PDB file of N, CA and C in Angstrom:
ATOM      1  N   UNK A   1     192.849  81.744   3.553  1.00  0.00           N
ATOM      2  CA  UNK A   1     193.045  81.088   4.880  1.00  0.00           C
ATOM      3  C   UNK A   1     192.492  81.298   5.894  1.00  0.00           C
ATOM      4  N   UNK A   2     191.752  81.956   5.849  1.00  0.00           N
ATOM      5  CA  UNK A   2     190.704  82.396   7.351  1.00  0.00           C
ATOM      6  C   UNK A   2     189.775  80.956   7.069  1.00  0.00           C
ATOM      7  N   UNK A   3     189.516  80.241   6.474  1.00  0.00           N
ATOM      8  CA  UNK A   3     188.669  79.513   6.752  1.00  0.00           C
ATOM      9  C   UNK A   3     189.687  78.257   7.306  1.00  0.00           C
ATOM     10  N   UNK A   4     190.406  77.529   6.964  1.00  0.00           N
ATOM     11  CA  UNK A   4     191.449  77.270   7.109  1.00  0.00           C
ATOM     12  C   UNK A   4     191.839  76.484   8.117  1.00  0.00           C
ATOM     13  N   UNK A   5     192.162  78.519   8.589  1.00  0.00           N
ATOM     14  CA  UNK A   5     192.299  78.773  10.170  1.00  0.00           C
ATOM     15  C   UNK A   5     191.233  78.723  11.491  1.00  0.00           C
ATOM     16  N   UNK A   6     189.789  78.608  10.656  1.00  0.00           N
ATOM     17  CA  UNK A   6     189.044  79.022  11.724  1.00  0.00           C
ATOM     18  C   UNK A   6     188.504  77.180  11.632  1.00  0.00           C
ATOM     19  N   UNK A   7     188.224  76.301  10.746  1.00  0.00           N
ATOM     20  CA  UNK A   7     188.210  75.145  10.951  1.00  0.00           C
ATOM     21  C   UNK A   7     188.643  74.559  11.729  1.00  0.00           C
ATOM     22  N   UNK A   8     190.333  75.107  11.553  1.00  0.00           N
ATOM     23  CA  UNK A   8     191.652  74.187  12.546  1.00  0.00           C
ATOM     24  C   UNK A   8     190.770  74.114  14.142  1.00  0.00           C
ATOM     25  N   UNK A   9     191.112  75.952  14.258  1.00  0.00           N
ATOM     26  CA  UNK A   9     190.001  76.141  15.372  1.00  0.00           C
ATOM     27  C   UNK A   9     189.181  75.217  15.821  1.00  0.00           C
ATOM     28  N   UNK A  10     188.607  74.957  15.230  1.00  0.00           N
ATOM     29  CA  UNK A  10     186.760  74.119  15.679  1.00  0.00           C
ATOM     30  C   UNK A  10     187.195  73.052  15.883  1.00  0.00           C
ATOM     31  N   UNK A  11     188.233  71.987  15.265  1.00  0.00           N
ATOM     32  CA  UNK A  11     188.266  70.676  15.265  1.00  0.00           C
ATOM     33  C   UNK A  11     189.340  70.429  16.311  1.00  0.00           C
ATOM     34  N   UNK A  12     190.309  71.724  16.989  1.00  0.00           N
ATOM     35  CA  UNK A  12     191.226  71.643  18.192  1.00  0.00           C
ATOM     36  C   UNK A  12     190.445  71.842  19.543  1.00  0.00           C
ATOM     37  N   UNK A  13     189.167  72.371  19.627  1.00  0.00           N
ATOM     38  CA  UNK A  13     188.399  72.762  20.257  1.00  0.00           C
ATOM     39  C   UNK A  13     187.166  71.555  20.506  1.00  0.00           C
ATOM     40  N   UNK A  14     186.421  70.420  19.444  1.00  0.00           N
ATOM     41  CA  UNK A  14     186.002  69.955  19.391  1.00  0.00           C
ATOM     42  C   UNK A  14     186.627  68.183  19.846  1.00  0.00           C
ATOM     43  N   UNK A  15     188.216  68.484  19.495  1.00  0.00           N
ATOM     44  CA  UNK A  15     188.735  67.218  20.194  1.00  0.00           C
ATOM     45  C   UNK A  15     188.826  67.571  21.490  1.00  0.00           C
ATOM     46  N   UNK A  16     189.188  68.600  21.825  1.00  0.00           N
ATOM     47  CA  UNK A  16     189.304  68.726  23.539  1.00  0.00           C
ATOM     48  C   UNK A  16     187.936  68.690  24.344  1.00  0.00           C
ATOM     49  N   UNK A  17     186.870  68.762  23.881  1.00  0.00           N
ATOM     50  CA  UNK A  17     185.765  68.463  24.575  1.00  0.00           C
ATOM     51  C   UNK A  17     185.451  67.289  24.621  1.00  0.00           C
ATOM     52  N   UNK A  18     185.829  66.276  22.765  1.00  0.00           N
ATOM     53  CA  UNK A  18     185.404  64.863  23.336  1.00  0.00           C
ATOM     54  C   UNK A  18     186.644  64.557  24.297  1.00  0.00           C
ATOM     55  N   UNK A  19     187.779  65.092  24.524  1.00  0.00           N
ATOM     56  CA  UNK A  19     188.715  63.846  25.340  1.00  0.00           C
ATOM     57  C   UNK A  19     187.865  64.567  26.707  1.00  0.00           C
ATOM     58  N   UNK A  20     187.276  65.999  26.937  1.00  0.00           N
ATOM     59  CA  UNK A  20     187.208  65.629  28.571  1.00  0.00           C
ATOM     60  C   UNK A  20     186.034  65.030  28.777  1.00  0.00           C
ATOM     61  N   UNK A  21     185.349  65.265  27.839  1.00  0.00           N
ATOM     62  CA  UNK A  21     183.787  64.207  27.702  1.00  0.00           C
ATOM     63  C   UNK A  21     184.436  62.736  28.062  1.00  0.00           C
ATOM     64  N   UNK A  22     185.631  62.188  27.249  1.00  0.00           N
ATOM     65  CA  UNK A  22     185.990  61.062  28.084  1.00  0.00           C
ATOM     66  C   UNK A  22     186.028  60.694  29.261  1.00  0.00           C
ATOM     67  N   UNK A  23     187.241  62.345  29.858  1.00  0.00           N
ATOM     68  CA  UNK A  23     187.617  61.934  30.707  1.00  0.00           C
ATOM     69  C   UNK A  23     186.562  62.246  32.464  1.00  0.00           C
ATOM     70  N   UNK A  24     185.513  62.261  31.663  1.00  0.00           N
ATOM     71  CA  UNK A  24     184.546  62.280  33.018  1.00  0.00           C
ATOM     72  C   UNK A  24     183.786  60.839  32.529  1.00  0.00           C
ATOM     73  N   UNK A  25     183.820  60.198  31.912  1.00  0.00           N
ATOM     74  CA  UNK A  25     182.301  59.240  31.486  1.00  0.00           C
ATOM     75  C   UNK A  25     182.907  58.182  32.483  1.00  0.00           C
ATOM     76  N   UNK A  26     181.928  58.074  32.656  1.00  0.00           N
ATOM     77  CA  UNK A  26     182.244  56.146  33.994  1.00  0.00           C
ATOM     78  C   UNK A  26     181.798  55.190  32.681  1.00  0.00           C
ATOM     79  N   UNK A  27     181.104  55.272  32.296  1.00  0.00           N
ATOM     80  CA  UNK A  27     180.924  54.244  31.196  1.00  0.00           C
ATOM     81  C   UNK A  27     181.995  53.866  30.038  1.00  0.00           C
ATOM     82  N   UNK A  28     182.751  52.957  30.612  1.00  0.00           N
ATOM     83  CA  UNK A  28     183.896  52.664  29.270  1.00  0.00           C
ATOM     84  C   UNK A  28     183.727  52.447  28.023  1.00  0.00           C
ATOM     85  N   UNK A  29     182.504  51.990  27.747  1.00  0.00           N
ATOM     86  CA  UNK A  29     182.152  52.192  25.878  1.00  0.00           C
ATOM     87  C   UNK A  29     181.973  53.469  25.347  1.00  0.00           C
ATOM     88  N   UNK A  30     181.359  54.582  26.618  1.00  0.00           N
ATOM     89  CA  UNK A  30     181.658  55.903  26.134  1.00  0.00           C
ATOM     90  C   UNK A  30     183.297  56.456  26.325  1.00  0.00           C
ATOM     91  N   UNK A  31     184.000  56.063  27.398  1.00  0.00           N
ATOM     92  CA  UNK A  31     185.489  56.563  27.212  1.00  0.00           C
ATOM     93  C   UNK A  31     186.468  55.964  25.703  1.00  0.00           C
ATOM     94  N   UNK A  32     186.141  54.997  25.633  1.00  0.00           N
ATOM     95  CA  UNK A  32     186.647  54.428  23.791  1.00  0.00           C
ATOM     96  C   UNK A  32     185.479  55.310  23.011  1.00  0.00           C
ATOM     97  N   UNK A  33     184.617  55.320  23.257  1.00  0.00           N
ATOM     98  CA  UNK A  33     184.166  56.246  21.880  1.00  0.00           C
ATOM     99  C   UNK A  33     184.779  57.498  21.591  1.00  0.00           C
ATOM    100  N   UNK A  34     184.856  57.861  22.850  1.00  0.00           N
ATOM    101  CA  UNK A  34     185.325  59.873  23.166  1.00  0.00           C
ATOM    102  C   UNK A  34     186.797  59.708  22.819  1.00  0.00           C
ATOM    103  N   UNK A  35     187.607  58.810  23.334  1.00  0.00           N
ATOM    104  CA  UNK A  35     189.119  58.514  23.052  1.00  0.00           C
ATOM    105  C   UNK A  35     189.039  58.947  21.626  1.00  0.00           C
ATOM    106  N   UNK A  36     188.321  57.577  20.852  1.00  0.00           N
ATOM    107  CA  UNK A  36     188.443  57.695  19.691  1.00  0.00           C
ATOM    108  C   UNK A  36     188.255  58.609  18.579  1.00  0.00           C
ATOM    109  N   UNK A  37     186.885  59.298  18.986  1.00  0.00           N
ATOM    110  CA  UNK A  37     186.466  61.190  18.330  1.00  0.00           C
ATOM    111  C   UNK A  37     188.014  61.693  18.319  1.00  0.00           C
ATOM    112  N   UNK A  38     188.125  61.742  19.976  1.00  0.00           N
ATOM    113  CA  UNK A  38     188.833  62.993  20.140  1.00  0.00           C
ATOM    114  C   UNK A  38     190.275  62.687  19.549  1.00  0.00           C
ATOM    115  N   UNK A  39     190.725  61.037  19.278  1.00  0.00           N
ATOM    116  CA  UNK A  39     192.212  61.046  18.212  1.00  0.00           C
ATOM    117  C   UNK A  39     191.767  61.387  16.584  1.00  0.00           C
ATOM    118  N   UNK A  40     190.426  61.164  16.056  1.00  0.00           N
ATOM    119  CA  UNK A  40     190.149  61.284  15.029  1.00  0.00           C
ATOM    120  C   UNK A  40     190.230  62.836  14.845  1.00  0.00           C
ATOM    121  N   UNK A  41     189.208  63.645  15.273  1.00  0.00           N
ATOM    122  CA  UNK A  41     189.857  65.060  15.577  1.00  0.00           C
ATOM    123  C   UNK A  41     190.573  65.453  15.502  1.00  0.00           C
ATOM    124  N   UNK A  42     191.371  64.986  16.088  1.00  0.00           N
ATOM    125  CA  UNK A  42     193.321  65.225  16.433  1.00  0.00           C
ATOM    126  C   UNK A  42     193.736  65.414  15.084  1.00  0.00           C
ATOM    127  N   UNK A  43     193.659  64.051  14.338  1.00  0.00           N
ATOM    128  CA  UNK A  43     194.427  63.901  12.759  1.00  0.00           C
ATOM    129  C   UNK A  43     193.709  64.558  11.730  1.00  0.00           C
ATOM    130  N   UNK A  44     192.809  65.411  11.777  1.00  0.00           N
ATOM    131  CA  UNK A  44     192.256  66.027  11.254  1.00  0.00           C
ATOM    132  C   UNK A  44     192.367  67.524  11.112  1.00  0.00           C
ATOM    133  N   UNK A  45     192.745  68.129  12.514  1.00  0.00           N
ATOM    134  CA  UNK A  45     193.275  69.060  12.856  1.00  0.00           C
ATOM    135  C   UNK A  45     194.773  69.259  12.086  1.00  0.00           C
ATOM    136  N   UNK A  46     195.685  68.184  12.070  1.00  0.00           N
ATOM    137  CA  UNK A  46     196.806  68.077  12.178  1.00  0.00           C
ATOM    138  C   UNK A  46     196.591  67.978  10.249  1.00  0.00           C
ATOM    139  N   UNK A  47     195.567  67.434  10.044  1.00  0.00           N
ATOM    140  CA  UNK A  47     195.244  67.838   7.955  1.00  0.00           C
ATOM    141  C   UNK A  47     195.415  68.861   7.648  1.00  0.00           C
ATOM    142  N   UNK A  48     194.403  69.312   8.869  1.00  0.00           N
ATOM    143  CA  UNK A  48     194.376  70.854   8.023  1.00  0.00           C
ATOM    144  C   UNK A  48     195.353  71.661   7.943  1.00  0.00           C
ATOM    145  N   UNK A  49     196.141  71.496   9.356  1.00  0.00           N
ATOM    146  CA  UNK A  49     197.162  72.867   9.396  1.00  0.00           C
ATOM    147  C   UNK A  49     198.041  72.428   8.392  1.00  0.00           C
ATOM    148  N   UNK A  50     198.687  70.859   8.066  1.00  0.00           N
ATOM    149  CA  UNK A  50     199.607  70.399   7.160  1.00  0.00           C
ATOM    150  C   UNK A  50     199.109  71.210   5.373  1.00  0.00           C
ATOM    151  N   UNK A  51     197.697  71.194   5.395  1.00  0.00           N
ATOM    152  CA  UNK A  51     197.352  72.308   4.171  1.00  0.00           C
ATOM    153  C   UNK A  51     197.539  73.108   4.224  1.00  0.00           C
ATOM    154  N   UNK A  52     197.204  74.057   5.323  1.00  0.00           N
ATOM    155  CA  UNK A  52     197.357  75.404   5.694  1.00  0.00           C
ATOM    156  C   UNK A  52     199.103  75.961   5.641  1.00  0.00           C
ATOM    157  N   UNK A  53     200.029  74.637   5.688  1.00  0.00           N
ATOM    158  CA  UNK A  53     201.560  75.043   5.519  1.00  0.00           C
ATOM    159  C   UNK A  53     201.870  74.831   4.239  1.00  0.00           C
ATOM    160  N   UNK A  54     201.011  73.775   3.640  1.00  0.00           N
ATOM    161  CA  UNK A  54     201.096  73.688   2.266  1.00  0.00           C
ATOM    162  C   UNK A  54     200.955  74.958   0.927  1.00  0.00           C
ATOM    163  N   UNK A  55     200.217  75.438   1.417  1.00  0.00           N
ATOM    164  CA  UNK A  55     199.810  76.613   0.757  1.00  0.00           C
ATOM    165  C   UNK A  55     200.482  77.597   1.342  1.00  0.00           C
ATOM    166  N   UNK A  56     200.803  77.945   2.315  1.00  0.00           N
ATOM    167  CA  UNK A  56     201.907  78.695   2.793  1.00  0.00           C
ATOM    168  C   UNK A  56     202.996  78.542   2.034  1.00  0.00           C
ATOM    169  N   UNK A  57     203.489  77.683   1.850  1.00  0.00           N
ATOM    170  CA  UNK A  57     205.286  77.252   0.528  1.00  0.00           C
ATOM    171  C   UNK A  57     204.450  77.417  -0.552  1.00  0.00           C
ATOM    172  N   UNK A  58     203.556  77.131  -1.027  1.00  0.00           N
ATOM    173  CA  UNK A  58     203.169  76.466  -2.707  1.00  0.00           C
ATOM    174  C   UNK A  58     202.987  78.132  -2.970  1.00  0.00           C
TER     175      UNK A  58
END
């Protein structure tokens, strides 16, 4: 379970960093790229969190 928690924290941190880069970028293409990366990492983190809850329940 600790592996899930570690990965969850890393994904959330990476998503936040991508969002920060998105917000600081002046190039539109870079903003769009980092927005997509932040969104994708957030979805992955949500899936890891769901898997954690499933393991706890099951």
